[in-house]
């Protein structure tokens, strides 16, 4: 892929929930060349009403990989996607590196890279600035490794949202390390829906060696996630979170609550570890200190803890 490829702005040309450029059921695909995919999303964003309607019509993803195996993506750029920039669905043995993703911070649902029902995914050495999650880890993923990502603007690196649909698969074996977040609304976020129609789990996840620069919610577990006005019930989330490690997370928080662990009262979080966390307030106000907030969790705290632990 070389040169500059522009998407059509005629939304009737796309399948609902599909991709603009899509690769399906391939083995051994190598996609390189330094080219740019321009989704021309500014024309489509006004038609995105997902913040009001959880059953909204999904706009096209710019580059979608479905059911691929042994895929390499290197050195490509995606700008102004209509919906997600890059999505992996049912992929195995995927390696992505030196990817550049750009969209305004107010562009809706423009996740940089979304991963779902995939395994053995490696994403490294990339720069992502967009209007939603830089990388989002959906349901059914195992053995996903994310390293050396510069994220911002955006909503940080997120697990979820999980628990919205029946029969979701578990998430396990996620490693996020050596990343930097700048000016994002979240740093590391785990989000699950209340009133989950089914039960699933997210376990064995490690987040380590991560720098936060003026980040609103550097470490956040939110098991009452409900971004739209259509949530009918506040019944506790049925997604079980366990064996989650936050190690060497440092930098600055733009909000007073730098660590927020709000777990489900139906299934409290288990085995949550925070080791060597140092998150000062970015305002530099010497009269104020960053704080932590906990509910339905007994976290284990090791080494440096700024803000102080919550129990």
C-alpha atoms as a PDB file:
ATOM      1  CA  UNK A   1       0.000   0.000   0.000  1.00  0.00           C
ATOM      2  CA  UNK A   2       1.652   3.198  -1.235  1.00  0.00           C
ATOM      3  CA  UNK A   3       0.370   6.695  -1.782  1.00  0.00           C
ATOM      4  CA  UNK A   4      -2.793   8.234  -0.380  1.00  0.00           C
ATOM      5  CA  UNK A   5      -6.128   6.406  -0.496  1.00  0.00           C
ATOM      6  CA  UNK A   6      -9.359   8.307   0.220  1.00  0.00           C
ATOM      7  CA  UNK A   7     -12.620   6.695   1.283  1.00  0.00           C
ATOM      8  CA  UNK A   8     -15.901   7.562  -0.401  1.00  0.00           C
ATOM      9  CA  UNK A   9     -18.081   9.795   1.754  1.00  0.00           C
ATOM     10  CA  UNK A  10     -21.256   8.132   0.382  1.00  0.00           C
ATOM     11  CA  UNK A  11     -22.332   5.986   3.347  1.00  0.00           C
ATOM     12  CA  UNK A  12     -24.770   3.983   1.186  1.00  0.00           C
ATOM     13  CA  UNK A  13     -21.776   2.310  -0.476  1.00  0.00           C
ATOM     14  CA  UNK A  14     -20.809   0.448   2.718  1.00  0.00           C
ATOM     15  CA  UNK A  15     -22.158  -2.624   4.475  1.00  0.00           C
ATOM     16  CA  UNK A  16     -23.483  -1.885   7.953  1.00  0.00           C
ATOM     17  CA  UNK A  17     -20.811  -2.767  10.491  1.00  0.00           C
ATOM     18  CA  UNK A  18     -18.333  -3.642   7.762  1.00  0.00           C
ATOM     19  CA  UNK A  19     -15.078  -2.133   6.683  1.00  0.00           C
ATOM     20  CA  UNK A  20     -13.969   0.259   3.991  1.00  0.00           C
ATOM     21  CA  UNK A  21     -10.905  -1.885   3.225  1.00  0.00           C
ATOM     22  CA  UNK A  22     -11.306  -5.437   4.481  1.00  0.00           C
ATOM     23  CA  UNK A  23      -9.088  -8.540   4.443  1.00  0.00           C
ATOM     24  CA  UNK A  24     -10.887 -11.823   5.146  1.00  0.00           C
ATOM     25  CA  UNK A  25      -9.804 -15.430   5.675  1.00  0.00           C
ATOM     26  CA  UNK A  26      -6.211 -15.015   4.547  1.00  0.00           C
ATOM     27  CA  UNK A  27      -3.006 -16.664   5.744  1.00  0.00           C
ATOM     28  CA  UNK A  28       0.407 -15.043   5.521  1.00  0.00           C
ATOM     29  CA  UNK A  29      -0.736 -11.542   4.544  1.00  0.00           C
ATOM     30  CA  UNK A  30       1.995  -8.875   4.707  1.00  0.00           C
ATOM     31  CA  UNK A  31       0.763  -5.280   4.432  1.00  0.00           C
ATOM     32  CA  UNK A  32       3.511  -2.639   4.226  1.00  0.00           C
ATOM     33  CA  UNK A  33       4.549   0.235   1.991  1.00  0.00           C
ATOM     34  CA  UNK A  34       4.103   3.387   4.064  1.00  0.00           C
ATOM     35  CA  UNK A  35       0.809   4.462   2.493  1.00  0.00           C
ATOM     36  CA  UNK A  36      -2.046   6.388   4.097  1.00  0.00           C
ATOM     37  CA  UNK A  37      -5.714   5.438   4.491  1.00  0.00           C
ATOM     38  CA  UNK A  38      -7.860   8.583   4.769  1.00  0.00           C
ATOM     39  CA  UNK A  39     -11.370   7.704   5.964  1.00  0.00           C
ATOM     40  CA  UNK A  40     -12.620  11.275   5.439  1.00  0.00           C
ATOM     41  CA  UNK A  41     -14.529  10.793   8.658  1.00  0.00           C
ATOM     42  CA  UNK A  42     -15.528  14.407   9.212  1.00  0.00           C
ATOM     43  CA  UNK A  43     -18.347  13.916   6.689  1.00  0.00           C
ATOM     44  CA  UNK A  44     -19.639  10.832   8.558  1.00  0.00           C
ATOM     45  CA  UNK A  45     -19.208  11.788  12.229  1.00  0.00           C
ATOM     46  CA  UNK A  46     -22.436  13.866  12.387  1.00  0.00           C
ATOM     47  CA  UNK A  47     -24.346  10.632  11.598  1.00  0.00           C
ATOM     48  CA  UNK A  48     -22.874   8.841  14.629  1.00  0.00           C
ATOM     49  CA  UNK A  49     -25.506   8.786  17.381  1.00  0.00           C
ATOM     50  CA  UNK A  50     -24.051   5.911  19.411  1.00  0.00           C
ATOM     51  CA  UNK A  51     -23.694   8.150  22.469  1.00  0.00           C
ATOM     52  CA  UNK A  52     -27.503   8.373  22.540  1.00  0.00           C
ATOM     53  CA  UNK A  53     -28.535   5.008  21.116  1.00  0.00           C
ATOM     54  CA  UNK A  54     -26.764   1.774  22.084  1.00  0.00           C
ATOM     55  CA  UNK A  55     -28.394   0.099  19.029  1.00  0.00           C
ATOM     56  CA  UNK A  56     -27.052   2.716  16.631  1.00  0.00           C
ATOM     57  CA  UNK A  57     -26.049   2.002  13.039  1.00  0.00           C
ATOM     58  CA  UNK A  58     -22.323   1.289  12.967  1.00  0.00           C
ATOM     59  CA  UNK A  59     -20.262   3.342  10.520  1.00  0.00           C
ATOM     60  CA  UNK A  60     -17.468   1.723   8.460  1.00  0.00           C
ATOM     61  CA  UNK A  61     -14.136   0.767   9.984  1.00  0.00           C
ATOM     62  CA  UNK A  62     -11.248   1.969   7.813  1.00  0.00           C
ATOM     63  CA  UNK A  63      -9.152  -1.233   7.719  1.00  0.00           C
ATOM     64  CA  UNK A  64     -10.639  -4.490   8.981  1.00  0.00           C
ATOM     65  CA  UNK A  65      -9.002  -7.898   9.342  1.00  0.00           C
ATOM     66  CA  UNK A  66     -11.420 -10.831   9.726  1.00  0.00           C
ATOM     67  CA  UNK A  67     -10.306 -14.418  10.331  1.00  0.00           C
ATOM     68  CA  UNK A  68      -6.711 -13.871   9.215  1.00  0.00           C
ATOM     69  CA  UNK A  69      -3.699 -15.895  10.382  1.00  0.00           C
ATOM     70  CA  UNK A  70       0.003 -14.979  10.378  1.00  0.00           C
ATOM     71  CA  UNK A  71      -0.558 -11.345   9.388  1.00  0.00           C
ATOM     72  CA  UNK A  72       2.107  -8.613   9.409  1.00  0.00           C
ATOM     73  CA  UNK A  73       1.159  -4.917   9.189  1.00  0.00           C
ATOM     74  CA  UNK A  74       4.016  -2.417   9.259  1.00  0.00           C
ATOM     75  CA  UNK A  75       4.575   1.263   8.567  1.00  0.00           C
ATOM     76  CA  UNK A  76       1.051   2.323   7.578  1.00  0.00           C
ATOM     77  CA  UNK A  77      -0.899   5.483   8.455  1.00  0.00           C
ATOM     78  CA  UNK A  78      -4.640   5.867   9.075  1.00  0.00           C
ATOM     79  CA  UNK A  79      -6.268   9.276   9.443  1.00  0.00           C
ATOM     80  CA  UNK A  80      -9.810  10.463  10.171  1.00  0.00           C
ATOM     81  CA  UNK A  81     -11.581   7.102  10.156  1.00  0.00           C
ATOM     82  CA  UNK A  82     -15.382   7.154  10.058  1.00  0.00           C
ATOM     83  CA  UNK A  83     -15.501   4.615  12.904  1.00  0.00           C
ATOM     84  CA  UNK A  84     -12.582   2.432  14.094  1.00  0.00           C
ATOM     85  CA  UNK A  85      -9.273   2.963  12.295  1.00  0.00           C
ATOM     86  CA  UNK A  86      -8.155  -0.684  12.432  1.00  0.00           C
ATOM     87  CA  UNK A  87     -10.123  -3.703  13.701  1.00  0.00           C
ATOM     88  CA  UNK A  88      -9.083  -7.322  14.205  1.00  0.00           C
ATOM     89  CA  UNK A  89     -11.912  -9.859  14.507  1.00  0.00           C
ATOM     90  CA  UNK A  90     -11.164 -13.562  14.876  1.00  0.00           C
ATOM     91  CA  UNK A  91      -7.502 -13.125  13.942  1.00  0.00           C
ATOM     92  CA  UNK A  92      -4.531 -15.175  15.103  1.00  0.00           C
ATOM     93  CA  UNK A  93      -0.789 -14.503  15.031  1.00  0.00           C
ATOM     94  CA  UNK A  94      -1.028 -10.823  14.103  1.00  0.00           C
ATOM     95  CA  UNK A  95       1.984  -8.500  14.286  1.00  0.00           C
ATOM     96  CA  UNK A  96       1.514  -4.741  13.868  1.00  0.00           C
ATOM     97  CA  UNK A  97       4.327  -2.192  14.170  1.00  0.00           C
ATOM     98  CA  UNK A  98       5.258   1.379  13.189  1.00  0.00           C
ATOM     99  CA  UNK A  99       1.588   2.249  12.683  1.00  0.00           C
ATOM    100  CA  UNK A 100       0.519   5.890  12.817  1.00  0.00           C
ATOM    101  CA  UNK A 101      -3.092   6.816  13.609  1.00  0.00           C
ATOM    102  CA  UNK A 102      -4.463  10.378  13.630  1.00  0.00           C
ATOM    103  CA  UNK A 103      -7.912  11.863  14.243  1.00  0.00           C
ATOM    104  CA  UNK A 104      -9.246  14.847  16.253  1.00  0.00           C
ATOM    105  CA  UNK A 105      -9.864  14.263  19.952  1.00  0.00           C
ATOM    106  CA  UNK A 106     -13.570  15.041  19.482  1.00  0.00           C
ATOM    107  CA  UNK A 107     -14.101  12.473  16.690  1.00  0.00           C
ATOM    108  CA  UNK A 108     -16.640   9.865  17.929  1.00  0.00           C
ATOM    109  CA  UNK A 109     -15.851   6.131  18.240  1.00  0.00           C
ATOM    110  CA  UNK A 110     -12.621   6.433  16.268  1.00  0.00           C
ATOM    111  CA  UNK A 111     -10.765   3.741  18.237  1.00  0.00           C
ATOM    112  CA  UNK A 112      -7.217   3.391  16.954  1.00  0.00           C
ATOM    113  CA  UNK A 113      -6.923  -0.410  17.017  1.00  0.00           C
ATOM    114  CA  UNK A 114      -9.763  -2.657  18.227  1.00  0.00           C
ATOM    115  CA  UNK A 115      -9.089  -6.339  18.949  1.00  0.00           C
ATOM    116  CA  UNK A 116     -11.864  -8.916  19.367  1.00  0.00           C
ATOM    117  CA  UNK A 117     -11.958 -12.743  19.556  1.00  0.00           C
ATOM    118  CA  UNK A 118      -8.298 -12.895  18.574  1.00  0.00           C
ATOM    119  CA  UNK A 119      -5.165 -14.572  19.927  1.00  0.00           C
ATOM    120  CA  UNK A 120      -1.422 -14.065  19.794  1.00  0.00           C
ATOM    121  CA  UNK A 121      -1.615 -10.425  18.794  1.00  0.00           C
ATOM    122  CA  UNK A 122       1.491  -8.212  19.065  1.00  0.00           C
ATOM    123  CA  UNK A 123       1.267  -4.438  18.555  1.00  0.00           C
ATOM    124  CA  UNK A 124       4.404  -2.356  19.044  1.00  0.00           C
ATOM    125  CA  UNK A 125       6.262   0.857  18.286  1.00  0.00           C
ATOM    126  CA  UNK A 126       3.240   2.872  17.161  1.00  0.00           C
ATOM    127  CA  UNK A 127       1.794   6.373  17.626  1.00  0.00           C
ATOM    128  CA  UNK A 128      -1.967   6.776  18.130  1.00  0.00           C
ATOM    129  CA  UNK A 129      -3.888  10.002  18.652  1.00  0.00           C
ATOM    130  CA  UNK A 130      -7.631   9.862  18.184  1.00  0.00           C
ATOM    131  CA  UNK A 131     -11.087  10.585  19.633  1.00  0.00           C
ATOM    132  CA  UNK A 132     -11.648   7.297  21.479  1.00  0.00           C
ATOM    133  CA  UNK A 133      -9.512   4.450  22.841  1.00  0.00           C
ATOM    134  CA  UNK A 134      -6.026   4.319  21.360  1.00  0.00           C
ATOM    135  CA  UNK A 135      -6.281   0.532  21.652  1.00  0.00           C
ATOM    136  CA  UNK A 136      -9.400  -1.327  22.809  1.00  0.00           C
ATOM    137  CA  UNK A 137      -9.356  -4.974  23.848  1.00  0.00           C
ATOM    138  CA  UNK A 138     -12.813  -6.462  23.385  1.00  0.00           C
ATOM    139  CA  UNK A 139     -14.227  -9.858  24.354  1.00  0.00           C
ATOM    140  CA  UNK A 140     -12.740 -13.248  23.547  1.00  0.00           C
ATOM    141  CA  UNK A 141      -9.057 -12.269  23.371  1.00  0.00           C
ATOM    142  CA  UNK A 142      -6.063 -14.219  24.649  1.00  0.00           C
ATOM    143  CA  UNK A 143      -2.317 -13.604  24.593  1.00  0.00           C
ATOM    144  CA  UNK A 144      -2.308  -9.991  23.426  1.00  0.00           C
ATOM    145  CA  UNK A 145       0.917  -7.987  23.920  1.00  0.00           C
ATOM    146  CA  UNK A 146       1.057  -4.204  23.471  1.00  0.00           C
ATOM    147  CA  UNK A 147       4.425  -2.440  23.774  1.00  0.00           C
ATOM    148  CA  UNK A 148       5.932   0.985  23.099  1.00  0.00           C
ATOM    149  CA  UNK A 149       2.740   2.844  22.197  1.00  0.00           C
ATOM    150  CA  UNK A 150       2.554   6.647  22.336  1.00  0.00           C
ATOM    151  CA  UNK A 151      -1.114   7.441  23.013  1.00  0.00           C
ATOM    152  CA  UNK A 152      -2.738  10.867  22.947  1.00  0.00           C
ATOM    153  CA  UNK A 153      -5.114  12.459  22.480  1.00  0.00           C
ATOM    154  CA  UNK A 154      -7.708   9.769  23.124  1.00  0.00           C
ATOM    155  CA  UNK A 155      -9.263   7.657  25.847  1.00  0.00           C
ATOM    156  CA  UNK A 156      -6.163   5.621  26.674  1.00  0.00           C
ATOM    157  CA  UNK A 157      -5.712   1.853  26.391  1.00  0.00           C
ATOM    158  CA  UNK A 158      -8.892   0.032  27.405  1.00  0.00           C
ATOM    159  CA  UNK A 159     -10.095  -3.450  28.148  1.00  0.00           C
ATOM    160  CA  UNK A 160     -13.751  -3.485  27.157  1.00  0.00           C
ATOM    161  CA  UNK A 161     -16.313  -2.553  27.264  1.00  0.00           C
ATOM    162  CA  UNK A 162     -17.220  -6.088  28.341  1.00  0.00           C
ATOM    163  CA  UNK A 163     -20.521  -7.673  29.305  1.00  0.00           C
ATOM    164  CA  UNK A 164     -22.875  -5.876  26.955  1.00  0.00           C
ATOM    165  CA  UNK A 165     -23.986  -8.938  24.970  1.00  0.00           C
ATOM    166  CA  UNK A 166     -24.944 -12.549  25.845  1.00  0.00           C
ATOM    167  CA  UNK A 167     -22.363 -15.329  25.438  1.00  0.00           C
ATOM    168  CA  UNK A 168     -19.284 -13.127  25.449  1.00  0.00           C
ATOM    169  CA  UNK A 169     -15.985 -15.000  25.685  1.00  0.00           C
ATOM    170  CA  UNK A 170     -13.317 -14.424  28.333  1.00  0.00           C
ATOM    171  CA  UNK A 171     -10.267 -12.177  28.104  1.00  0.00           C
ATOM    172  CA  UNK A 172      -6.925 -13.494  29.401  1.00  0.00           C
ATOM    173  CA  UNK A 173      -3.189 -13.092  28.992  1.00  0.00           C
ATOM    174  CA  UNK A 174      -2.997  -9.363  28.190  1.00  0.00           C
ATOM    175  CA  UNK A 175       0.330  -7.540  28.623  1.00  0.00           C
ATOM    176  CA  UNK A 176       0.635  -3.765  28.173  1.00  0.00           C
ATOM    177  CA  UNK A 177       4.120  -2.339  28.812  1.00  0.00           C
ATOM    178  CA  UNK A 178       6.522   0.492  27.991  1.00  0.00           C
ATOM    179  CA  UNK A 179       3.755   2.843  26.846  1.00  0.00           C
ATOM    180  CA  UNK A 180       3.248   6.603  27.265  1.00  0.00           C
ATOM    181  CA  UNK A 181      -0.085   8.432  27.579  1.00  0.00           C
ATOM    182  CA  UNK A 182      -0.223  12.197  27.035  1.00  0.00           C
ATOM    183  CA  UNK A 183      -3.296  14.327  27.737  1.00  0.00           C
ATOM    184  CA  UNK A 184      -5.692  11.398  27.493  1.00  0.00           C
ATOM    185  CA  UNK A 185      -9.015  11.134  29.338  1.00  0.00           C
ATOM    186  CA  UNK A 186      -7.959   7.721  30.707  1.00  0.00           C
ATOM    187  CA  UNK A 187      -4.697   5.877  31.053  1.00  0.00           C
ATOM    188  CA  UNK A 188      -5.299   2.177  31.653  1.00  0.00           C
ATOM    189  CA  UNK A 189      -9.033   1.490  31.813  1.00  0.00           C
ATOM    190  CA  UNK A 190     -11.067  -1.675  32.376  1.00  0.00           C
ATOM    191  CA  UNK A 191     -14.766  -1.133  31.702  1.00  0.00           C
ATOM    192  CA  UNK A 192     -17.720  -3.493  32.031  1.00  0.00           C
ATOM    193  CA  UNK A 193     -21.449  -2.908  31.661  1.00  0.00           C
ATOM    194  CA  UNK A 194     -23.940  -3.172  34.500  1.00  0.00           C
ATOM    195  CA  UNK A 195     -26.901  -5.486  34.007  1.00  0.00           C
ATOM    196  CA  UNK A 196     -24.740  -7.927  32.013  1.00  0.00           C
ATOM    197  CA  UNK A 197     -26.907 -10.443  30.104  1.00  0.00           C
ATOM    198  CA  UNK A 198     -24.280 -13.150  30.573  1.00  0.00           C
ATOM    199  CA  UNK A 199     -21.266 -13.910  32.742  1.00  0.00           C
ATOM    200  CA  UNK A 200     -17.670 -13.751  31.522  1.00  0.00           C
ATOM    201  CA  UNK A 201     -14.227 -13.071  32.968  1.00  0.00           C
ATOM    202  CA  UNK A 202     -11.146 -10.947  32.368  1.00  0.00           C
ATOM    203  CA  UNK A 203      -8.082 -12.353  34.079  1.00  0.00           C
ATOM    204  CA  UNK A 204      -4.283 -12.546  34.078  1.00  0.00           C
ATOM    205  CA  UNK A 205      -3.570  -9.032  32.824  1.00  0.00           C
ATOM    206  CA  UNK A 206      -0.356  -7.044  33.398  1.00  0.00           C
ATOM    207  CA  UNK A 207       0.106  -3.299  32.915  1.00  0.00           C
ATOM    208  CA  UNK A 208       3.664  -2.187  33.634  1.00  0.00           C
ATOM    209  CA  UNK A 209       6.263   0.498  32.956  1.00  0.00           C
ATOM    210  CA  UNK A 210       3.729   3.081  31.791  1.00  0.00           C
ATOM    211  CA  UNK A 211       4.173   6.871  31.878  1.00  0.00           C
ATOM    212  CA  UNK A 212       1.143   9.146  32.355  1.00  0.00           C
ATOM    213  CA  UNK A 213       1.467  12.804  31.303  1.00  0.00           C
ATOM    214  CA  UNK A 214      -1.457  14.953  32.478  1.00  0.00           C
ATOM    215  CA  UNK A 215      -3.941  12.064  32.228  1.00  0.00           C
ATOM    216  CA  UNK A 216      -7.451  12.440  33.710  1.00  0.00           C
ATOM    217  CA  UNK A 217      -7.919   8.868  35.021  1.00  0.00           C
ATOM    218  CA  UNK A 218      -4.510   7.173  34.983  1.00  0.00           C
ATOM    219  CA  UNK A 219      -5.712   3.870  36.509  1.00  0.00           C
ATOM    220  CA  UNK A 220      -9.431   3.125  36.375  1.00  0.00           C
ATOM    221  CA  UNK A 221     -11.638   0.060  36.777  1.00  0.00           C
ATOM    222  CA  UNK A 222     -15.253   0.954  36.006  1.00  0.00           C
ATOM    223  CA  UNK A 223     -17.758  -1.877  36.377  1.00  0.00           C
ATOM    224  CA  UNK A 224     -20.739   0.468  36.006  1.00  0.00           C
ATOM    225  CA  UNK A 225     -19.789   1.665  32.528  1.00  0.00           C
ATOM    226  CA  UNK A 226     -22.762   3.246  30.752  1.00  0.00           C
ATOM    227  CA  UNK A 227     -21.838   5.953  28.236  1.00  0.00           C
ATOM    228  CA  UNK A 228     -25.286   6.347  26.691  1.00  0.00           C
ATOM    229  CA  UNK A 229     -28.637   7.287  28.173  1.00  0.00           C
ATOM    230  CA  UNK A 230     -30.186   3.924  27.255  1.00  0.00           C
ATOM    231  CA  UNK A 231     -29.075   1.772  30.203  1.00  0.00           C
ATOM    232  CA  UNK A 232     -32.300   0.338  31.604  1.00  0.00           C
ATOM    233  CA  UNK A 233     -30.948  -1.152  34.814  1.00  0.00           C
ATOM    234  CA  UNK A 234     -28.144  -0.664  37.276  1.00  0.00           C
ATOM    235  CA  UNK A 235     -27.953  -4.328  38.279  1.00  0.00           C
ATOM    236  CA  UNK A 236     -24.336  -5.276  39.108  1.00  0.00           C
ATOM    237  CA  UNK A 237     -21.973  -6.303  36.339  1.00  0.00           C
ATOM    238  CA  UNK A 238     -21.510 -10.066  36.012  1.00  0.00           C
ATOM    239  CA  UNK A 239     -18.041  -9.822  34.479  1.00  0.00           C
ATOM    240  CA  UNK A 240     -15.473 -11.265  36.893  1.00  0.00           C
ATOM    241  CA  UNK A 241     -12.166  -9.378  37.100  1.00  0.00           C
ATOM    242  CA  UNK A 242      -9.193 -11.141  38.708  1.00  0.00           C
ATOM    243  CA  UNK A 243      -5.397 -11.404  38.733  1.00  0.00           C
ATOM    244  CA  UNK A 244      -4.692  -7.899  37.438  1.00  0.00           C
ATOM    245  CA  UNK A 245      -1.300  -6.268  38.004  1.00  0.00           C
ATOM    246  CA  UNK A 246      -0.386  -2.573  37.756  1.00  0.00           C
ATOM    247  CA  UNK A 247       3.409  -2.174  38.094  1.00  0.00           C
ATOM    248  CA  UNK A 248       5.612   0.915  37.815  1.00  0.00           C
ATOM    249  CA  UNK A 249       2.911   3.336  36.708  1.00  0.00           C
ATOM    250  CA  UNK A 250       4.234   6.877  37.049  1.00  0.00           C
ATOM    251  CA  UNK A 251       3.630  10.455  35.968  1.00  0.00           C
ATOM    252  CA  UNK A 252       0.893  13.025  36.514  1.00  0.00           C
ATOM    253  CA  UNK A 253      -2.884  13.041  36.864  1.00  0.00           C
ATOM    254  CA  UNK A 254      -5.038  15.985  35.782  1.00  0.00           C
ATOM    255  CA  UNK A 255      -7.856  14.798  38.094  1.00  0.00           C
ATOM    256  CA  UNK A 256      -7.655  14.491  41.856  1.00  0.00           C
ATOM    257  CA  UNK A 257      -8.647  10.797  41.811  1.00  0.00           C
ATOM    258  CA  UNK A 258      -5.622   9.206  40.150  1.00  0.00           C
ATOM    259  CA  UNK A 259      -6.542   5.598  41.000  1.00  0.00           C
ATOM    260  CA  UNK A 260     -10.176   4.497  40.813  1.00  0.00           C
ATOM    261  CA  UNK A 261     -11.050   0.843  41.427  1.00  0.00           C
ATOM    262  CA  UNK A 262     -14.846   0.603  41.264  1.00  0.00           C
ATOM    263  CA  UNK A 263     -15.707  -3.071  41.011  1.00  0.00           C
ATOM    264  CA  UNK A 264     -18.983  -4.961  40.826  1.00  0.00           C
ATOM    265  CA  UNK A 265     -20.875  -5.487  44.086  1.00  0.00           C
ATOM    266  CA  UNK A 266     -22.246  -8.674  42.520  1.00  0.00           C
ATOM    267  CA  UNK A 267     -18.804 -10.153  41.762  1.00  0.00           C
ATOM    268  CA  UNK A 268     -16.092  -8.138  43.586  1.00  0.00           C
ATOM    269  CA  UNK A 269     -12.664  -7.929  41.956  1.00  0.00           C
ATOM    270  CA  UNK A 270     -10.115 -10.493  43.128  1.00  0.00           C
ATOM    271  CA  UNK A 271      -6.316 -10.344  43.253  1.00  0.00           C
ATOM    272  CA  UNK A 272      -5.757  -6.775  42.132  1.00  0.00           C
ATOM    273  CA  UNK A 273      -2.129  -5.715  42.669  1.00  0.00           C
ATOM    274  CA  UNK A 274      -0.633  -2.219  42.567  1.00  0.00           C
ATOM    275  CA  UNK A 275       3.160  -2.088  42.777  1.00  0.00           C
ATOM    276  CA  UNK A 276       5.250   1.112  42.659  1.00  0.00           C
ATOM    277  CA  UNK A 277       2.604   3.599  41.571  1.00  0.00           C
ATOM    278  CA  UNK A 278       3.617   7.280  41.622  1.00  0.00           C
ATOM    279  CA  UNK A 279       1.015   9.671  40.221  1.00  0.00           C
ATOM    280  CA  UNK A 280       1.239  13.314  41.295  1.00  0.00           C
ATOM    281  CA  UNK A 281      -1.281  15.998  40.413  1.00  0.00           C
ATOM    282  CA  UNK A 282      -0.279  17.762  37.214  1.00  0.00           C
ATOM    283  CA  UNK A 283      -1.517  21.109  38.560  1.00  0.00           C
ATOM    284  CA  UNK A 284       1.493  21.278  40.857  1.00  0.00           C
ATOM    285  CA  UNK A 285      -0.707  22.580  43.684  1.00  0.00           C
ATOM    286  CA  UNK A 286       1.295  21.785  46.823  1.00  0.00           C
ATOM    287  CA  UNK A 287      -1.834  21.992  48.988  1.00  0.00           C
ATOM    288  CA  UNK A 288      -3.521  19.153  47.137  1.00  0.00           C
ATOM    289  CA  UNK A 289      -2.584  15.511  46.753  1.00  0.00           C
ATOM    290  CA  UNK A 290      -3.817  12.858  44.380  1.00  0.00           C
ATOM    291  CA  UNK A 291      -6.266  10.378  45.918  1.00  0.00           C
ATOM    292  CA  UNK A 292      -7.523   6.858  45.331  1.00  0.00           C
ATOM    293  CA  UNK A 293     -11.033   5.422  45.371  1.00  0.00           C
ATOM    294  CA  UNK A 294     -12.023   1.799  45.936  1.00  0.00           C
ATOM    295  CA  UNK A 295     -15.283  -0.114  46.105  1.00  0.00           C
ATOM    296  CA  UNK A 296     -15.961  -3.874  46.135  1.00  0.00           C
ATOM    297  CA  UNK A 297     -12.262  -4.709  45.969  1.00  0.00           C
ATOM    298  CA  UNK A 298      -9.438  -5.559  48.343  1.00  0.00           C
ATOM    299  CA  UNK A 299      -6.402  -4.537  46.385  1.00  0.00           C
ATOM    300  CA  UNK A 300      -2.876  -5.496  47.405  1.00  0.00           C
ATOM    301  CA  UNK A 301      -0.401  -2.603  47.531  1.00  0.00           C
ATOM    302  CA  UNK A 302       3.363  -3.087  47.185  1.00  0.00           C
ATOM    303  CA  UNK A 303       6.189  -0.520  47.262  1.00  0.00           C
ATOM    304  CA  UNK A 304       5.609   3.166  46.482  1.00  0.00           C
ATOM    305  CA  UNK A 305       1.966   4.246  46.564  1.00  0.00           C
ATOM    306  CA  UNK A 306       1.139   7.791  45.482  1.00  0.00           C
ATOM    307  CA  UNK A 307      -1.775   8.339  45.870  1.00  0.00           C
ATOM    308  CA  UNK A 308      -2.052   6.503  49.225  1.00  0.00           C
ATOM    309  CA  UNK A 309      -3.845   3.140  49.131  1.00  0.00           C
ATOM    310  CA  UNK A 310      -7.596   2.875  49.571  1.00  0.00           C
ATOM    311  CA  UNK A 311      -9.137   0.023  51.537  1.00  0.00           C
END
